[in-house]
Amino acid sequence: MMKGQGLLVAVVLLALAVAGYAVASRVYGFPFLGLPAPRSPEPVPGMYNLGLMVTNLKDPGRFIRVQIELELYDGSKANLVSQRAAEIKTDIYALLRAKTYDELVGEDGLRNLQADLVERLNKKLAGLVKNVYFSEFLIQ
């Protein structure tokens, strides 16, 4: 009877060791039984439309009208942008209102504004914004 119980305990311990190794291989990413280590899924980029924004520029009598779309490194985090949309838009309005017509005119003005927005938004959104696109851009 003791010999049978000892064998049973040995089999159970071996099964627990194999199961523990299998779980550890999944968690820590090392191979199990010659199979490649599992990879965590890459984040899928996504877009978030902030909508149409119209505001005055720093120059008296000048305004800007833009439709802004954010390209996100991880589209699954668009809900974070949505939850903070009012805060983000307020920050964008503040940036736009501090700009002059001369700073925004031409391709250089547009590209500089894109870079400024990406930098400013990434400070608020922990590096989530890959790029900023304008589907409408009018300054007058």
C-alpha atoms as a PDB file:
ATOM      1  CA  MET A   1       0.000   0.000   0.000  1.00  0.00           C
ATOM      2  CA  MET A   2       2.843   2.434   0.788  1.00  0.00           C
ATOM      3  CA  LYS A   3       4.496   1.763  -2.556  1.00  0.00           C
ATOM      4  CA  GLY A   4       1.282   2.671  -4.437  1.00  0.00           C
ATOM      5  CA  GLN A   5       0.795   5.870  -2.460  1.00  0.00           C
ATOM      6  CA  GLY A   6       4.400   6.917  -3.048  1.00  0.00           C
ATOM      7  CA  LEU A   7       3.968   6.401  -6.795  1.00  0.00           C
ATOM      8  CA  LEU A   8       0.739   8.404  -6.755  1.00  0.00           C
ATOM      9  CA  VAL A   9       2.426  11.264  -4.878  1.00  0.00           C
ATOM     10  CA  ALA A  10       5.324  11.205  -7.370  1.00  0.00           C
ATOM     11  CA  VAL A  11       2.930  11.349 -10.357  1.00  0.00           C
ATOM     12  CA  VAL A  12       0.943  14.229  -8.821  1.00  0.00           C
ATOM     13  CA  LEU A  13       4.139  16.156  -8.053  1.00  0.00           C
ATOM     14  CA  LEU A  14       5.420  15.594 -11.601  1.00  0.00           C
ATOM     15  CA  ALA A  15       2.083  16.801 -13.061  1.00  0.00           C
ATOM     16  CA  LEU A  16       2.176  19.902 -10.844  1.00  0.00           C
ATOM     17  CA  ALA A  17       5.768  20.650 -11.901  1.00  0.00           C
ATOM     18  CA  VAL A  18       4.893  20.339 -15.613  1.00  0.00           C
ATOM     19  CA  ALA A  19       1.782  22.489 -15.177  1.00  0.00           C
ATOM     20  CA  GLY A  20       3.793  25.099 -13.219  1.00  0.00           C
ATOM     21  CA  TYR A  21       6.455  25.196 -15.931  1.00  0.00           C
ATOM     22  CA  ALA A  22       3.759  25.588 -18.631  1.00  0.00           C
ATOM     23  CA  VAL A  23       2.148  28.509 -16.776  1.00  0.00           C
ATOM     24  CA  ALA A  24       5.527  30.142 -16.122  1.00  0.00           C
ATOM     25  CA  SER A  25       6.455  29.817 -19.809  1.00  0.00           C
ATOM     26  CA  ARG A  26       3.295  31.696 -20.804  1.00  0.00           C
ATOM     27  CA  VAL A  27       3.766  34.396 -18.175  1.00  0.00           C
ATOM     28  CA  TYR A  28       7.493  34.986 -18.648  1.00  0.00           C
ATOM     29  CA  GLY A  29       7.645  34.205 -22.386  1.00  0.00           C
ATOM     30  CA  PHE A  30      10.129  31.334 -22.587  1.00  0.00           C
ATOM     31  CA  PRO A  31       9.532  28.286 -24.830  1.00  0.00           C
ATOM     32  CA  PHE A  32       7.602  25.235 -23.655  1.00  0.00           C
ATOM     33  CA  LEU A  33       8.024  21.795 -25.292  1.00  0.00           C
ATOM     34  CA  GLY A  34       9.918  23.313 -28.214  1.00  0.00           C
ATOM     35  CA  LEU A  35       7.075  25.670 -29.124  1.00  0.00           C
ATOM     36  CA  PRO A  36       7.955  29.319 -29.739  1.00  0.00           C
ATOM     37  CA  ALA A  37       7.371  31.699 -26.871  1.00  0.00           C
ATOM     38  CA  PRO A  38       4.007  33.468 -27.023  1.00  0.00           C
ATOM     39  CA  ARG A  39       4.151  37.077 -28.187  1.00  0.00           C
ATOM     40  CA  SER A  40       2.033  39.786 -26.767  1.00  0.00           C
ATOM     41  CA  PRO A  41      -0.184  41.296 -29.449  1.00  0.00           C
ATOM     42  CA  GLU A  42       1.071  44.495 -31.028  1.00  0.00           C
ATOM     43  CA  PRO A  43      -1.155  47.511 -30.397  1.00  0.00           C
ATOM     44  CA  VAL A  44      -3.288  48.377 -33.409  1.00  0.00           C
ATOM     45  CA  PRO A  45      -3.079  52.042 -34.424  1.00  0.00           C
ATOM     46  CA  GLY A  46      -6.310  54.002 -34.554  1.00  0.00           C
ATOM     47  CA  MET A  47      -7.776  57.401 -35.337  1.00  0.00           C
ATOM     48  CA  TYR A  48      -9.779  59.762 -33.146  1.00  0.00           C
ATOM     49  CA  ASN A  49     -11.678  62.733 -34.583  1.00  0.00           C
ATOM     50  CA  LEU A  50     -11.706  65.786 -32.318  1.00  0.00           C
ATOM     51  CA  GLY A  51     -14.145  67.522 -34.635  1.00  0.00           C
ATOM     52  CA  LEU A  52     -14.346  71.040 -35.971  1.00  0.00           C
ATOM     53  CA  MET A  53     -12.689  73.804 -33.974  1.00  0.00           C
ATOM     54  CA  VAL A  54     -13.002  77.545 -34.659  1.00  0.00           C
ATOM     55  CA  THR A  55     -11.230  80.230 -32.653  1.00  0.00           C
ATOM     56  CA  ASN A  56      -9.592  83.640 -32.864  1.00  0.00           C
ATOM     57  CA  LEU A  57      -5.886  83.975 -33.462  1.00  0.00           C
ATOM     58  CA  LYS A  58      -3.582  86.281 -31.537  1.00  0.00           C
ATOM     59  CA  ASP A  59      -3.885  88.820 -34.383  1.00  0.00           C
ATOM     60  CA  PRO A  60      -6.977  91.038 -34.043  1.00  0.00           C
ATOM     61  CA  GLY A  61      -9.670  90.107 -36.581  1.00  0.00           C
ATOM     62  CA  ARG A  62      -8.015  86.785 -37.590  1.00  0.00           C
ATOM     63  CA  PHE A  63      -9.407  83.319 -36.925  1.00  0.00           C
ATOM     64  CA  ILE A  64      -8.663  79.677 -37.601  1.00  0.00           C
ATOM     65  CA  ARG A  65     -11.033  76.844 -38.455  1.00  0.00           C
ATOM     66  CA  VAL A  66      -9.618  73.318 -38.233  1.00  0.00           C
ATOM     67  CA  GLN A  67     -10.920  69.780 -38.222  1.00  0.00           C
ATOM     68  CA  ILE A  68      -8.422  67.688 -36.255  1.00  0.00           C
ATOM     69  CA  GLU A  69      -7.900  63.936 -36.300  1.00  0.00           C
ATOM     70  CA  LEU A  70      -5.444  62.211 -33.995  1.00  0.00           C
ATOM     71  CA  GLU A  71      -3.544  59.121 -35.078  1.00  0.00           C
ATOM     72  CA  LEU A  72      -3.035  56.980 -31.982  1.00  0.00           C
ATOM     73  CA  TYR A  73      -0.333  54.361 -31.480  1.00  0.00           C
ATOM     74  CA  ASP A  74      -2.917  52.180 -29.747  1.00  0.00           C
ATOM     75  CA  GLY A  75      -6.463  52.511 -31.062  1.00  0.00           C
ATOM     76  CA  SER A  76      -7.851  50.583 -28.108  1.00  0.00           C
ATOM     77  CA  LYS A  77      -7.077  53.628 -25.945  1.00  0.00           C
ATOM     78  CA  ALA A  78      -9.355  55.962 -27.922  1.00  0.00           C
ATOM     79  CA  ASN A  79     -11.724  55.891 -24.941  1.00  0.00           C
ATOM     80  CA  LEU A  80      -9.009  57.662 -22.911  1.00  0.00           C
ATOM     81  CA  VAL A  81      -8.998  60.467 -25.491  1.00  0.00           C
ATOM     82  CA  SER A  82     -12.797  60.528 -25.441  1.00  0.00           C
ATOM     83  CA  GLN A  83     -12.896  60.826 -21.653  1.00  0.00           C
ATOM     84  CA  ARG A  84     -10.473  63.744 -21.756  1.00  0.00           C
ATOM     85  CA  ALA A  85     -11.787  65.403 -24.948  1.00  0.00           C
ATOM     86  CA  ALA A  86     -12.864  68.639 -23.251  1.00  0.00           C
ATOM     87  CA  GLU A  87      -9.482  69.032 -21.561  1.00  0.00           C
ATOM     88  CA  ILE A  88      -7.641  68.251 -24.812  1.00  0.00           C
ATOM     89  CA  LYS A  89      -9.751  70.685 -26.852  1.00  0.00           C
ATOM     90  CA  THR A  90      -9.248  73.429 -24.283  1.00  0.00           C
ATOM     91  CA  ASP A  91      -5.495  72.937 -24.524  1.00  0.00           C
ATOM     92  CA  ILE A  92      -5.658  73.044 -28.335  1.00  0.00           C
ATOM     93  CA  TYR A  93      -7.757  76.212 -28.250  1.00  0.00           C
ATOM     94  CA  ALA A  94      -5.178  77.827 -25.950  1.00  0.00           C
ATOM     95  CA  LEU A  95      -2.380  76.904 -28.349  1.00  0.00           C
ATOM     96  CA  LEU A  96      -4.280  78.155 -31.415  1.00  0.00           C
ATOM     97  CA  ARG A  97      -5.217  81.453 -29.757  1.00  0.00           C
ATOM     98  CA  ALA A  98      -1.533  82.079 -28.981  1.00  0.00           C
ATOM     99  CA  LYS A  99      -0.560  81.737 -32.665  1.00  0.00           C
ATOM    100  CA  THR A 100      -0.373  84.560 -35.197  1.00  0.00           C
ATOM    101  CA  TYR A 101      -1.423  84.396 -38.835  1.00  0.00           C
ATOM    102  CA  ASP A 102       2.229  84.610 -39.922  1.00  0.00           C
ATOM    103  CA  GLU A 103       3.152  81.597 -37.744  1.00  0.00           C
ATOM    104  CA  LEU A 104       0.430  79.455 -39.359  1.00  0.00           C
ATOM    105  CA  VAL A 105       0.510  80.467 -43.007  1.00  0.00           C
ATOM    106  CA  GLY A 106       2.082  78.092 -45.566  1.00  0.00           C
ATOM    107  CA  GLU A 107       3.252  74.511 -45.319  1.00  0.00           C
ATOM    108  CA  ASP A 108       5.853  75.334 -42.664  1.00  0.00           C
ATOM    109  CA  GLY A 109       3.154  76.868 -40.474  1.00  0.00           C
ATOM    110  CA  LEU A 110       0.963  73.784 -40.820  1.00  0.00           C
ATOM    111  CA  ARG A 111       3.848  71.370 -40.120  1.00  0.00           C
ATOM    112  CA  ASN A 112       5.004  73.389 -37.109  1.00  0.00           C
ATOM    113  CA  LEU A 113       1.467  73.385 -35.714  1.00  0.00           C
ATOM    114  CA  GLN A 114       1.280  69.608 -36.212  1.00  0.00           C
ATOM    115  CA  ALA A 115       4.545  69.133 -34.305  1.00  0.00           C
ATOM    116  CA  ASP A 116       3.424  71.501 -31.529  1.00  0.00           C
ATOM    117  CA  LEU A 117       0.123  69.637 -31.150  1.00  0.00           C
ATOM    118  CA  VAL A 118       1.753  66.188 -31.076  1.00  0.00           C
ATOM    119  CA  GLU A 119       4.222  67.342 -28.412  1.00  0.00           C
ATOM    120  CA  ARG A 120       1.549  69.036 -26.305  1.00  0.00           C
ATOM    121  CA  LEU A 121      -0.942  66.163 -26.551  1.00  0.00           C
ATOM    122  CA  ASN A 122       1.664  63.526 -25.742  1.00  0.00           C
ATOM    123  CA  LYS A 123       2.397  65.329 -22.492  1.00  0.00           C
ATOM    124  CA  LYS A 124      -1.285  64.964 -21.573  1.00  0.00           C
ATOM    125  CA  LEU A 125      -1.794  61.477 -23.024  1.00  0.00           C
ATOM    126  CA  ALA A 126       1.465  59.725 -22.075  1.00  0.00           C
ATOM    127  CA  GLY A 127       2.867  59.365 -25.600  1.00  0.00           C
ATOM    128  CA  LEU A 128      -0.323  57.989 -27.156  1.00  0.00           C
ATOM    129  CA  VAL A 129      -0.484  60.380 -30.142  1.00  0.00           C
ATOM    130  CA  LYS A 130       1.481  59.354 -33.218  1.00  0.00           C
ATOM    131  CA  ASN A 131       0.426  62.207 -35.493  1.00  0.00           C
ATOM    132  CA  VAL A 132      -2.099  64.999 -35.962  1.00  0.00           C
ATOM    133  CA  TYR A 133      -3.971  65.457 -39.230  1.00  0.00           C
ATOM    134  CA  PHE A 134      -6.136  68.307 -40.453  1.00  0.00           C
ATOM    135  CA  SER A 135      -9.073  67.345 -42.658  1.00  0.00           C
ATOM    136  CA  GLU A 136      -9.910  71.067 -42.759  1.00  0.00           C
ATOM    137  CA  PHE A 137      -7.509  73.968 -42.227  1.00  0.00           C
ATOM    138  CA  LEU A 138      -8.627  77.533 -42.844  1.00  0.00           C
ATOM    139  CA  ILE A 139      -7.002  80.687 -41.520  1.00  0.00           C
ATOM    140  CA  GLN A 140      -8.330  84.133 -42.259  1.00  0.00           C
END
